[in-house]
Amino acid sequence: MTNCNKPTFPLICNDADFSEPFHNTGEQIYYQKIDPVHASHVDGVVLLERNGNYYKAIYTENTINIEWYRCRYKDQPNDEAMITQAIQTAAYLGATLRFDAREYIVNKQLEFQNLSCFKLLGDKQHTLIKSNTTERFSSYYLKFVNCKNFIIEGIQIDQNKKNLVVYKEQDWGPEDYPELLRDFNGGIYITGATNVEIKDCSFLDLYTRAVHIYACDGDIKITNNLFESGVQTQMYRMEHLTISQSRDANVIVENNVFKNAENHNPATGVVAIFAFDLGEKNLYLSITITLNIVEEIILENIDYTQLTFMTM
């Protein structure tokens, strides 16, 4: 993670003050006393307050486990609160948050603002974020606003089209309709961010948009991901990857696979990459889109990719 070399807490060489078992993971977690922290950072799992003293869990390879939080949120009907708290703690610590090889249930957008220096790391093959309802929700599973220097790796997101109503013209709205209100059950939305990387992830069962990068700068890297769509019956909003109005960013889209079910109706084809308004502010910026595989794209009046770059 770029510009993330300074840890929130320096290395403490003292012995642990106490330990506690995390029954759901089978781990014995050791805690060390630290200087006081703001109450908003005390999550009851990695950062504790006991009798006016503050303690931090000892973890290796700068990595915390999201499953440490499961027992704390065991009465919740889904995993939304657990994921939210774990990501916020990882960002505060400048750490990697490791997801287990299991399904995580999310039925609404989870939004994160002004976080920096964190990594979300899944199992790649078995870490799956999904909805378990037939009710669609507005926007995206994960939304990051004004965040910096973060990586999302090895996570699958099921966009759940197979269980949702068909997207219709009224969902698209008038021409001046806000863009985000046009999207439902999207994968990841990132805006106002600096230095973002999404790699080795899978975005399954496309409904509207899988990934949307908007008004970001620094380095944007989208590499080694799978974007998948079944047969579509709608014709208004089907884009795997959108990168837009990021005029001060270096963009790399490389080694991704855009895999779509066989489709013989051009009116319901899928856009693999929709990119526009890039590279305008700086002559030294680069835009690299290479070595991507696009399967089964057939559209009316459009190529398999829409690419419009603005340069000085």
C-alpha atoms as a PDB file:
ATOM      1  CA  MET A   1       0.000   0.000   0.000  1.00  0.00           C
ATOM      2  CA  THR A   2       1.548   3.260  -1.137  1.00  0.00           C
ATOM      3  CA  ASN A   3       2.497   5.799   1.541  1.00  0.00           C
ATOM      4  CA  CYS A   4       1.490   3.472   4.372  1.00  0.00           C
ATOM      5  CA  ASN A   5       4.744   2.744   6.161  1.00  0.00           C
ATOM      6  CA  LYS A   6       3.914   4.352   9.494  1.00  0.00           C
ATOM      7  CA  PRO A   7       1.902   2.081  11.851  1.00  0.00           C
ATOM      8  CA  THR A   8      -0.748   3.526  14.130  1.00  0.00           C
ATOM      9  CA  PHE A   9       0.954   1.834  17.076  1.00  0.00           C
ATOM     10  CA  PRO A  10       4.725   1.317  17.280  1.00  0.00           C
ATOM     11  CA  LEU A  11       6.166  -2.097  18.064  1.00  0.00           C
ATOM     12  CA  ILE A  12       5.823  -2.938  21.751  1.00  0.00           C
ATOM     13  CA  CYS A  13       8.459  -5.351  23.046  1.00  0.00           C
ATOM     14  CA  ASN A  14       6.844  -6.006  26.430  1.00  0.00           C
ATOM     15  CA  ASP A  15       5.057  -9.226  27.295  1.00  0.00           C
ATOM     16  CA  ALA A  16       1.319  -9.437  26.835  1.00  0.00           C
ATOM     17  CA  ASP A  17      -0.807  -8.232  29.748  1.00  0.00           C
ATOM     18  CA  PHE A  18      -3.496 -10.900  29.306  1.00  0.00           C
ATOM     19  CA  SER A  19      -5.077 -13.211  26.747  1.00  0.00           C
ATOM     20  CA  GLU A  20      -8.587 -14.275  25.754  1.00  0.00           C
ATOM     21  CA  PRO A  21      -9.894 -17.131  23.609  1.00  0.00           C
ATOM     22  CA  PHE A  22     -11.740 -16.439  20.374  1.00  0.00           C
ATOM     23  CA  HIS A  23     -13.936 -19.509  20.446  1.00  0.00           C
ATOM     24  CA  ASN A  24     -15.200 -19.247  16.861  1.00  0.00           C
ATOM     25  CA  THR A  25     -11.665 -19.298  15.400  1.00  0.00           C
ATOM     26  CA  GLY A  26      -9.970 -21.425  18.045  1.00  0.00           C
ATOM     27  CA  GLU A  27      -7.306 -18.775  18.655  1.00  0.00           C
ATOM     28  CA  GLN A  28      -5.907 -17.452  21.903  1.00  0.00           C
ATOM     29  CA  ILE A  29      -5.442 -13.704  21.406  1.00  0.00           C
ATOM     30  CA  TYR A  30      -2.925 -11.782  23.494  1.00  0.00           C
ATOM     31  CA  TYR A  31      -3.326  -8.127  24.411  1.00  0.00           C
ATOM     32  CA  GLN A  32      -0.826  -5.407  25.306  1.00  0.00           C
ATOM     33  CA  LYS A  33      -1.514  -2.173  27.135  1.00  0.00           C
ATOM     34  CA  ILE A  34      -1.414   0.971  24.960  1.00  0.00           C
ATOM     35  CA  ASP A  35      -1.910   4.684  25.414  1.00  0.00           C
ATOM     36  CA  PRO A  36      -5.557   5.824  25.494  1.00  0.00           C
ATOM     37  CA  VAL A  37      -7.400   5.988  22.178  1.00  0.00           C
ATOM     38  CA  HIS A  38     -10.615   7.740  21.218  1.00  0.00           C
ATOM     39  CA  ALA A  39     -13.723   5.829  22.214  1.00  0.00           C
ATOM     40  CA  SER A  40     -14.806   5.598  18.558  1.00  0.00           C
ATOM     41  CA  HIS A  41     -11.840   3.285  17.864  1.00  0.00           C
ATOM     42  CA  VAL A  42     -12.551   0.861  20.709  1.00  0.00           C
ATOM     43  CA  ASP A  43     -14.223  -2.028  18.899  1.00  0.00           C
ATOM     44  CA  GLY A  44     -14.252  -4.569  21.741  1.00  0.00           C
ATOM     45  CA  VAL A  45     -12.270  -7.042  19.659  1.00  0.00           C
ATOM     46  CA  VAL A  46      -8.871  -5.729  18.549  1.00  0.00           C
ATOM     47  CA  LEU A  47      -8.947  -2.603  20.711  1.00  0.00           C
ATOM     48  CA  LEU A  48     -10.296  -2.925  24.251  1.00  0.00           C
ATOM     49  CA  GLU A  49     -10.984  -0.688  27.233  1.00  0.00           C
ATOM     50  CA  ARG A  50     -10.860  -2.338  30.650  1.00  0.00           C
ATOM     51  CA  ASN A  51     -11.198  -0.350  33.874  1.00  0.00           C
ATOM     52  CA  GLY A  52      -9.898   2.816  32.276  1.00  0.00           C
ATOM     53  CA  ASN A  53      -6.959   1.133  30.569  1.00  0.00           C
ATOM     54  CA  TYR A  54      -6.620   0.445  26.850  1.00  0.00           C
ATOM     55  CA  TYR A  55      -5.297  -2.676  25.154  1.00  0.00           C
ATOM     56  CA  LYS A  56      -4.489  -3.793  21.619  1.00  0.00           C
ATOM     57  CA  ALA A  57      -4.493  -7.347  20.308  1.00  0.00           C
ATOM     58  CA  ILE A  58      -1.138  -8.711  19.180  1.00  0.00           C
ATOM     59  CA  TYR A  59      -1.487  -9.836  15.570  1.00  0.00           C
ATOM     60  CA  THR A  60       1.069 -11.082  13.072  1.00  0.00           C
ATOM     61  CA  GLU A  61       1.933  -9.854   9.575  1.00  0.00           C
ATOM     62  CA  ASN A  62      -0.106  -6.702  10.268  1.00  0.00           C
ATOM     63  CA  THR A  63      -3.260  -8.735   9.640  1.00  0.00           C
ATOM     64  CA  ILE A  64      -6.498  -8.989  11.608  1.00  0.00           C
ATOM     65  CA  ASN A  65      -9.201 -11.587  11.027  1.00  0.00           C
ATOM     66  CA  ILE A  66     -12.786 -10.545  10.363  1.00  0.00           C
ATOM     67  CA  GLU A  67     -13.941 -13.753  12.051  1.00  0.00           C
ATOM     68  CA  TRP A  68     -12.682 -12.399  15.371  1.00  0.00           C
ATOM     69  CA  TYR A  69     -15.755 -10.140  15.244  1.00  0.00           C
ATOM     70  CA  ARG A  70     -18.355 -12.826  14.558  1.00  0.00           C
ATOM     71  CA  CYS A  71     -19.205 -13.698  18.172  1.00  0.00           C
ATOM     72  CA  ARG A  72     -19.557 -10.019  19.039  1.00  0.00           C
ATOM     73  CA  TYR A  73     -22.211  -9.661  16.320  1.00  0.00           C
ATOM     74  CA  LYS A  74     -23.744 -13.135  16.635  1.00  0.00           C
ATOM     75  CA  ASP A  75     -27.254 -11.753  17.218  1.00  0.00           C
ATOM     76  CA  GLN A  76     -27.267  -9.787  13.965  1.00  0.00           C
ATOM     77  CA  PRO A  77     -29.363 -11.180  11.072  1.00  0.00           C
ATOM     78  CA  ASN A  78     -26.528 -10.590   8.594  1.00  0.00           C
ATOM     79  CA  ASP A  79     -22.862  -9.600   8.436  1.00  0.00           C
ATOM     80  CA  GLU A  80     -23.227  -5.875   7.701  1.00  0.00           C
ATOM     81  CA  ALA A  81     -22.310  -4.514  11.151  1.00  0.00           C
ATOM     82  CA  MET A  82     -19.422  -6.963  11.515  1.00  0.00           C
ATOM     83  CA  ILE A  83     -17.908  -6.044   8.144  1.00  0.00           C
ATOM     84  CA  THR A  84     -18.360  -2.326   8.769  1.00  0.00           C
ATOM     85  CA  GLN A  85     -16.583  -2.383  12.118  1.00  0.00           C
ATOM     86  CA  ALA A  86     -13.791  -4.647  10.932  1.00  0.00           C
ATOM     87  CA  ILE A  87     -12.984  -2.464   7.920  1.00  0.00           C
ATOM     88  CA  GLN A  88     -12.975   0.676  10.043  1.00  0.00           C
ATOM     89  CA  THR A  89     -10.597  -0.910  12.538  1.00  0.00           C
ATOM     90  CA  ALA A  90      -8.280  -2.201   9.807  1.00  0.00           C
ATOM     91  CA  ALA A  91      -8.039   1.292   8.339  1.00  0.00           C
ATOM     92  CA  TYR A  92      -7.362   2.835  11.744  1.00  0.00           C
ATOM     93  CA  LEU A  93      -4.549   0.349  12.320  1.00  0.00           C
ATOM     94  CA  GLY A  94      -3.210   0.535   8.765  1.00  0.00           C
ATOM     95  CA  ALA A  95      -3.681  -3.224   8.597  1.00  0.00           C
ATOM     96  CA  THR A  96      -4.864  -6.015   6.338  1.00  0.00           C
ATOM     97  CA  LEU A  97      -8.328  -7.396   7.068  1.00  0.00           C
ATOM     98  CA  ARG A  98      -8.488 -11.082   6.195  1.00  0.00           C
ATOM     99  CA  PHE A  99     -11.826 -12.598   5.192  1.00  0.00           C
ATOM    100  CA  ASP A 100     -12.443 -16.295   5.707  1.00  0.00           C
ATOM    101  CA  ALA A 101     -13.390 -18.844   3.037  1.00  0.00           C
ATOM    102  CA  ARG A 102     -17.140 -18.445   3.529  1.00  0.00           C
ATOM    103  CA  GLU A 103     -20.192 -16.410   2.544  1.00  0.00           C
ATOM    104  CA  TYR A 104     -20.840 -12.962   4.019  1.00  0.00           C
ATOM    105  CA  ILE A 105     -24.431 -11.718   3.880  1.00  0.00           C
ATOM    106  CA  VAL A 106     -25.001  -8.063   2.966  1.00  0.00           C
ATOM    107  CA  ASN A 107     -28.414  -6.659   2.016  1.00  0.00           C
ATOM    108  CA  LYS A 108     -27.643  -2.957   1.830  1.00  0.00           C
ATOM    109  CA  GLN A 109     -24.859  -0.608   0.808  1.00  0.00           C
ATOM    110  CA  LEU A 110     -21.969  -0.322   3.273  1.00  0.00           C
ATOM    111  CA  GLU A 111     -20.326   3.108   2.991  1.00  0.00           C
ATOM    112  CA  PHE A 112     -16.853   4.079   4.189  1.00  0.00           C
ATOM    113  CA  GLN A 113     -15.488   7.619   4.230  1.00  0.00           C
ATOM    114  CA  ASN A 114     -12.024   9.105   4.750  1.00  0.00           C
ATOM    115  CA  LEU A 115     -10.247   5.829   5.463  1.00  0.00           C
ATOM    116  CA  SER A 116      -6.669   5.106   4.416  1.00  0.00           C
ATOM    117  CA  CYS A 117      -3.937   2.501   4.330  1.00  0.00           C
ATOM    118  CA  PHE A 118      -5.833  -0.781   4.515  1.00  0.00           C
ATOM    119  CA  LYS A 119      -6.246  -3.975   2.561  1.00  0.00           C
ATOM    120  CA  LEU A 120      -9.234  -6.297   2.266  1.00  0.00           C
ATOM    121  CA  LEU A 121      -7.974  -9.801   1.579  1.00  0.00           C
ATOM    122  CA  GLY A 122     -10.201 -12.735   0.708  1.00  0.00           C
ATOM    123  CA  ASP A 123      -9.649 -16.384  -0.115  1.00  0.00           C
ATOM    124  CA  LYS A 124     -10.213 -15.687  -3.855  1.00  0.00           C
ATOM    125  CA  GLN A 125     -12.038 -18.967  -4.468  1.00  0.00           C
ATOM    126  CA  HIS A 126     -14.426 -19.063  -1.506  1.00  0.00           C
ATOM    127  CA  THR A 127     -14.808 -15.603   0.069  1.00  0.00           C
ATOM    128  CA  LEU A 128     -18.197 -14.448  -1.215  1.00  0.00           C
ATOM    129  CA  ILE A 129     -20.181 -11.321  -0.374  1.00  0.00           C
ATOM    130  CA  LYS A 130     -23.815 -11.824  -1.367  1.00  0.00           C
ATOM    131  CA  SER A 131     -27.402 -10.886  -0.653  1.00  0.00           C
ATOM    132  CA  ASN A 132     -29.845 -13.503   0.607  1.00  0.00           C
ATOM    133  CA  THR A 133     -33.035 -11.720  -0.393  1.00  0.00           C
ATOM    134  CA  THR A 134     -35.034 -11.109  -3.558  1.00  0.00           C
ATOM    135  CA  GLU A 135     -35.315  -7.429  -2.643  1.00  0.00           C
ATOM    136  CA  ARG A 136     -32.769  -5.289  -4.451  1.00  0.00           C
ATOM    137  CA  PHE A 137     -31.007  -2.424  -2.713  1.00  0.00           C
ATOM    138  CA  SER A 138     -29.883   0.905  -4.127  1.00  0.00           C
ATOM    139  CA  SER A 139     -26.283   1.525  -5.173  1.00  0.00           C
ATOM    140  CA  TYR A 140     -23.395  -0.875  -4.349  1.00  0.00           C
ATOM    141  CA  TYR A 141     -22.396  -3.466  -1.760  1.00  0.00           C
ATOM    142  CA  LEU A 142     -19.260  -1.470  -0.873  1.00  0.00           C
ATOM    143  CA  LYS A 143     -18.897   2.284  -1.338  1.00  0.00           C
ATOM    144  CA  PHE A 144     -15.649   4.126  -0.584  1.00  0.00           C
ATOM    145  CA  VAL A 145     -15.659   7.939  -0.450  1.00  0.00           C
ATOM    146  CA  ASN A 146     -12.463  10.004  -0.173  1.00  0.00           C
ATOM    147  CA  CYS A 147     -10.396   7.001   0.878  1.00  0.00           C
ATOM    148  CA  LYS A 148      -6.680   6.651   0.138  1.00  0.00           C
ATOM    149  CA  ASN A 149      -4.120   3.929  -0.466  1.00  0.00           C
ATOM    150  CA  PHE A 150      -6.163   0.756  -0.263  1.00  0.00           C
ATOM    151  CA  ILE A 151      -6.307  -2.643  -1.907  1.00  0.00           C
ATOM    152  CA  ILE A 152      -9.200  -5.061  -2.401  1.00  0.00           C
ATOM    153  CA  GLU A 153      -7.971  -8.557  -3.216  1.00  0.00           C
ATOM    154  CA  GLY A 154      -9.418 -12.036  -3.539  1.00  0.00           C
ATOM    155  CA  ILE A 155     -13.077 -11.257  -2.811  1.00  0.00           C
ATOM    156  CA  GLN A 156     -16.075 -12.465  -4.809  1.00  0.00           C
ATOM    157  CA  ILE A 157     -19.258 -10.384  -4.991  1.00  0.00           C
ATOM    158  CA  ASP A 158     -22.538 -11.884  -6.206  1.00  0.00           C
ATOM    159  CA  GLN A 159     -24.717  -9.142  -7.699  1.00  0.00           C
ATOM    160  CA  ASN A 160     -27.764 -11.423  -7.533  1.00  0.00           C
ATOM    161  CA  LYS A 161     -29.471 -10.631 -10.859  1.00  0.00           C
ATOM    162  CA  LYS A 162     -31.013 -14.099 -10.997  1.00  0.00           C
ATOM    163  CA  ASN A 163     -33.185 -13.293  -7.965  1.00  0.00           C
ATOM    164  CA  LEU A 164     -34.124  -9.683  -8.779  1.00  0.00           C
ATOM    165  CA  VAL A 165     -36.789  -7.997 -10.875  1.00  0.00           C
ATOM    166  CA  VAL A 166     -35.867  -7.033 -14.436  1.00  0.00           C
ATOM    167  CA  TYR A 167     -34.294  -3.576 -14.651  1.00  0.00           C
ATOM    168  CA  LYS A 168     -36.686  -1.353 -16.615  1.00  0.00           C
ATOM    169  CA  GLU A 169     -36.804   2.030 -18.281  1.00  0.00           C
ATOM    170  CA  GLN A 170     -38.267   3.732 -15.204  1.00  0.00           C
ATOM    171  CA  ASP A 171     -35.257   2.537 -13.181  1.00  0.00           C
ATOM    172  CA  TRP A 172     -33.016   4.472 -15.568  1.00  0.00           C
ATOM    173  CA  GLY A 173     -35.015   7.650 -15.001  1.00  0.00           C
ATOM    174  CA  PRO A 174     -34.798  10.983 -16.874  1.00  0.00           C
ATOM    175  CA  GLU A 175     -31.564  12.284 -18.382  1.00  0.00           C
ATOM    176  CA  ASP A 176     -30.773  14.428 -15.312  1.00  0.00           C
ATOM    177  CA  TYR A 177     -31.338  11.527 -12.899  1.00  0.00           C
ATOM    178  CA  PRO A 178     -28.396  11.081 -10.447  1.00  0.00           C
ATOM    179  CA  GLU A 179     -26.114   8.294 -11.644  1.00  0.00           C
ATOM    180  CA  LEU A 180     -26.020   6.393  -8.358  1.00  0.00           C
ATOM    181  CA  LEU A 181     -29.813   6.162  -8.223  1.00  0.00           C
ATOM    182  CA  ARG A 182     -29.682   4.188 -11.451  1.00  0.00           C
ATOM    183  CA  ASP A 183     -27.650   1.381  -9.884  1.00  0.00           C
ATOM    184  CA  PHE A 184     -28.823  -1.526  -7.747  1.00  0.00           C
ATOM    185  CA  ASN A 185     -26.808  -4.380  -6.208  1.00  0.00           C
ATOM    186  CA  GLY A 186     -23.581  -3.109  -7.749  1.00  0.00           C
ATOM    187  CA  GLY A 187     -20.271  -4.490  -6.559  1.00  0.00           C
ATOM    188  CA  ILE A 188     -17.884  -1.664  -5.591  1.00  0.00           C
ATOM    189  CA  TYR A 189     -18.215   2.118  -6.004  1.00  0.00           C
ATOM    190  CA  ILE A 190     -15.173   4.317  -5.354  1.00  0.00           C
ATOM    191  CA  THR A 191     -15.155   8.108  -5.572  1.00  0.00           C
ATOM    192  CA  GLY A 192     -12.715  10.822  -4.556  1.00  0.00           C
ATOM    193  CA  ALA A 193     -10.057   8.208  -3.814  1.00  0.00           C
ATOM    194  CA  THR A 194      -6.298   8.228  -4.270  1.00  0.00           C
ATOM    195  CA  ASN A 195      -4.293   5.085  -5.116  1.00  0.00           C
ATOM    196  CA  VAL A 196      -6.722   2.188  -5.466  1.00  0.00           C
ATOM    197  CA  GLU A 197      -6.097  -1.407  -6.483  1.00  0.00           C
ATOM    198  CA  ILE A 198      -8.652  -4.155  -7.134  1.00  0.00           C
ATOM    199  CA  LYS A 199      -7.115  -7.503  -8.001  1.00  0.00           C
ATOM    200  CA  ASP A 200      -7.922 -11.216  -8.094  1.00  0.00           C
ATOM    201  CA  CYS A 201     -11.589 -10.505  -7.357  1.00  0.00           C
ATOM    202  CA  SER A 202     -14.716 -11.918  -9.009  1.00  0.00           C
ATOM    203  CA  PHE A 203     -17.861  -9.957  -9.786  1.00  0.00           C
ATOM    204  CA  LEU A 204     -20.619 -12.443 -10.520  1.00  0.00           C
ATOM    205  CA  ASP A 205     -24.146 -12.303 -11.981  1.00  0.00           C
ATOM    206  CA  LEU A 206     -24.076  -8.699 -13.259  1.00  0.00           C
ATOM    207  CA  TYR A 207     -27.225  -6.632 -12.618  1.00  0.00           C
ATOM    208  CA  THR A 208     -26.296  -2.985 -13.316  1.00  0.00           C
ATOM    209  CA  ARG A 209     -22.619  -2.140 -12.759  1.00  0.00           C
ATOM    210  CA  ALA A 210     -19.987  -4.292 -11.085  1.00  0.00           C
ATOM    211  CA  VAL A 211     -17.270  -1.682 -10.420  1.00  0.00           C
ATOM    212  CA  HIS A 212     -17.469   2.090 -10.824  1.00  0.00           C
ATOM    213  CA  ILE A 213     -14.405   4.287 -10.278  1.00  0.00           C
ATOM    214  CA  TYR A 214     -15.390   7.968 -10.321  1.00  0.00           C
ATOM    215  CA  ALA A 215     -13.355  11.164  -9.854  1.00  0.00           C
ATOM    216  CA  CYS A 216     -10.270   9.451  -8.432  1.00  0.00           C
ATOM    217  CA  ASP A 217      -6.574  10.256  -8.763  1.00  0.00           C
ATOM    218  CA  GLY A 218      -3.185   8.695  -8.181  1.00  0.00           C
ATOM    219  CA  ASP A 219      -2.794   5.103  -9.383  1.00  0.00           C
ATOM    220  CA  ILE A 220      -5.895   3.114 -10.301  1.00  0.00           C
ATOM    221  CA  LYS A 221      -5.165  -0.568 -10.941  1.00  0.00           C
ATOM    222  CA  ILE A 222      -7.806  -3.117 -11.965  1.00  0.00           C
ATOM    223  CA  THR A 223      -5.989  -6.389 -12.601  1.00  0.00           C
ATOM    224  CA  ASN A 224      -6.567 -10.142 -12.772  1.00  0.00           C
ATOM    225  CA  ASN A 225     -10.284  -9.965 -12.011  1.00  0.00           C
ATOM    226  CA  LEU A 226     -13.229 -11.969 -13.328  1.00  0.00           C
ATOM    227  CA  PHE A 227     -16.370 -10.130 -14.416  1.00  0.00           C
ATOM    228  CA  GLU A 228     -19.289 -12.468 -15.167  1.00  0.00           C
ATOM    229  CA  SER A 229     -22.799 -12.012 -16.531  1.00  0.00           C
ATOM    230  CA  GLY A 230     -25.622 -14.388 -17.311  1.00  0.00           C
ATOM    231  CA  VAL A 231     -28.066 -13.799 -20.157  1.00  0.00           C
ATOM    232  CA  GLN A 232     -29.547 -10.323 -19.814  1.00  0.00           C
ATOM    233  CA  THR A 233     -33.176  -9.418 -20.516  1.00  0.00           C
ATOM    234  CA  GLN A 234     -32.843  -5.694 -19.876  1.00  0.00           C
ATOM    235  CA  MET A 235     -31.262  -3.037 -22.089  1.00  0.00           C
ATOM    236  CA  TYR A 236     -30.593   0.042 -19.941  1.00  0.00           C
ATOM    237  CA  ARG A 237     -27.705  -0.573 -17.560  1.00  0.00           C
ATOM    238  CA  MET A 238     -25.220  -3.391 -18.039  1.00  0.00           C
ATOM    239  CA  GLU A 239     -21.572  -2.450 -17.525  1.00  0.00           C
ATOM    240  CA  HIS A 240     -18.928  -4.556 -15.856  1.00  0.00           C
ATOM    241  CA  LEU A 241     -16.295  -1.856 -15.274  1.00  0.00           C
ATOM    242  CA  THR A 242     -16.722   1.916 -15.455  1.00  0.00           C
ATOM    243  CA  ILE A 243     -13.882   4.385 -14.900  1.00  0.00           C
ATOM    244  CA  SER A 244     -14.968   7.986 -15.354  1.00  0.00           C
ATOM    245  CA  GLN A 245     -13.908  11.587 -14.752  1.00  0.00           C
ATOM    246  CA  SER A 246     -10.603  10.571 -13.157  1.00  0.00           C
ATOM    247  CA  ARG A 247      -8.587  13.220 -14.954  1.00  0.00           C
ATOM    248  CA  ASP A 248      -5.528  13.122 -12.725  1.00  0.00           C
ATOM    249  CA  ALA A 249      -4.992   9.365 -12.474  1.00  0.00           C
ATOM    250  CA  ASN A 250      -2.718   6.729 -13.950  1.00  0.00           C
ATOM    251  CA  VAL A 251      -5.031   3.905 -14.998  1.00  0.00           C
ATOM    252  CA  ILE A 252      -4.121   0.252 -15.532  1.00  0.00           C
ATOM    253  CA  VAL A 253      -6.769  -2.279 -16.586  1.00  0.00           C
ATOM    254  CA  GLU A 254      -4.919  -5.506 -17.249  1.00  0.00           C
ATOM    255  CA  ASN A 255      -5.382  -9.282 -17.364  1.00  0.00           C
ATOM    256  CA  ASN A 256      -9.102  -9.202 -16.547  1.00  0.00           C
ATOM    257  CA  VAL A 257     -11.642 -11.656 -17.932  1.00  0.00           C
ATOM    258  CA  PHE A 258     -15.086 -10.437 -18.951  1.00  0.00           C
ATOM    259  CA  LYS A 259     -17.163 -13.592 -19.285  1.00  0.00           C
ATOM    260  CA  ASN A 260     -20.734 -13.381 -20.493  1.00  0.00           C
ATOM    261  CA  ALA A 261     -23.322 -15.996 -21.318  1.00  0.00           C
ATOM    262  CA  GLU A 262     -23.972 -16.549 -25.010  1.00  0.00           C
ATOM    263  CA  ASN A 263     -26.354 -13.892 -26.235  1.00  0.00           C
ATOM    264  CA  HIS A 264     -27.941 -13.448 -29.661  1.00  0.00           C
ATOM    265  CA  ASN A 265     -29.867 -10.254 -28.952  1.00  0.00           C
ATOM    266  CA  PRO A 266     -27.764  -7.101 -29.550  1.00  0.00           C
ATOM    267  CA  ALA A 267     -30.246  -4.974 -27.598  1.00  0.00           C
ATOM    268  CA  THR A 268     -29.374  -6.750 -24.345  1.00  0.00           C
ATOM    269  CA  GLY A 269     -25.605  -7.017 -24.710  1.00  0.00           C
ATOM    270  CA  VAL A 270     -23.148  -6.147 -21.962  1.00  0.00           C
ATOM    271  CA  VAL A 271     -20.416  -3.476 -21.927  1.00  0.00           C
ATOM    272  CA  ALA A 272     -17.098  -4.801 -20.657  1.00  0.00           C
ATOM    273  CA  ILE A 273     -15.240  -1.500 -20.052  1.00  0.00           C
ATOM    274  CA  PHE A 274     -16.815   1.954 -20.105  1.00  0.00           C
ATOM    275  CA  ALA A 275     -14.089   4.582 -19.660  1.00  0.00           C
ATOM    276  CA  PHE A 276     -14.257   8.308 -20.322  1.00  0.00           C
ATOM    277  CA  ASP A 277     -12.874  11.673 -19.263  1.00  0.00           C
ATOM    278  CA  LEU A 278      -9.452  10.343 -18.285  1.00  0.00           C
ATOM    279  CA  GLY A 279      -5.945  11.744 -18.531  1.00  0.00           C
ATOM    280  CA  GLU A 280      -6.861  15.381 -18.993  1.00  0.00           C
ATOM    281  CA  LYS A 281      -4.805  17.195 -16.354  1.00  0.00           C
ATOM    282  CA  ASN A 282      -1.278  15.922 -16.822  1.00  0.00           C
ATOM    283  CA  LEU A 283       0.753  15.039 -19.886  1.00  0.00           C
ATOM    284  CA  TYR A 284       2.677  12.457 -17.866  1.00  0.00           C
ATOM    285  CA  LEU A 285      -0.360  10.371 -16.969  1.00  0.00           C
ATOM    286  CA  SER A 286      -0.793   6.990 -18.613  1.00  0.00           C
ATOM    287  CA  ILE A 287      -3.834   4.897 -19.468  1.00  0.00           C
ATOM    288  CA  THR A 288      -3.104   1.229 -20.081  1.00  0.00           C
ATOM    289  CA  ILE A 289      -5.818  -1.231 -21.066  1.00  0.00           C
ATOM    290  CA  THR A 290      -4.200  -4.455 -22.168  1.00  0.00           C
ATOM    291  CA  LEU A 291      -4.322  -8.257 -22.110  1.00  0.00           C
ATOM    292  CA  ASN A 292      -7.999  -8.384 -21.143  1.00  0.00           C
ATOM    293  CA  ILE A 293     -10.201 -11.211 -22.424  1.00  0.00           C
ATOM    294  CA  VAL A 294     -13.757 -10.366 -23.478  1.00  0.00           C
ATOM    295  CA  GLU A 295     -16.181 -13.184 -24.215  1.00  0.00           C
ATOM    296  CA  GLU A 296     -19.615 -13.072 -25.870  1.00  0.00           C
ATOM    297  CA  ILE A 297     -20.100  -9.353 -26.476  1.00  0.00           C
ATOM    298  CA  ILE A 298     -22.745  -8.349 -29.000  1.00  0.00           C
ATOM    299  CA  LEU A 299     -24.221  -4.861 -28.859  1.00  0.00           C
ATOM    300  CA  GLU A 300     -26.231  -2.523 -31.023  1.00  0.00           C
ATOM    301  CA  ASN A 301     -24.320   0.581 -32.154  1.00  0.00           C
ATOM    302  CA  ILE A 302     -21.436   0.063 -29.760  1.00  0.00           C
ATOM    303  CA  ASP A 303     -18.126  -1.765 -29.508  1.00  0.00           C
ATOM    304  CA  TYR A 304     -17.388  -4.250 -26.738  1.00  0.00           C
ATOM    305  CA  THR A 305     -15.682  -1.390 -24.936  1.00  0.00           C
ATOM    306  CA  GLN A 306     -16.558   2.284 -24.769  1.00  0.00           C
ATOM    307  CA  LEU A 307     -13.363   4.266 -24.444  1.00  0.00           C
ATOM    308  CA  THR A 308     -13.114   8.031 -24.628  1.00  0.00           C
ATOM    309  CA  PHE A 309      -9.901   9.609 -23.327  1.00  0.00           C
ATOM    310  CA  MET A 310      -9.371  13.340 -22.941  1.00  0.00           C
ATOM    311  CA  THR A 311      -5.750  14.451 -23.115  1.00  0.00           C
ATOM    312  CA  MET A 312      -4.064  17.829 -23.181  1.00  0.00           C
END
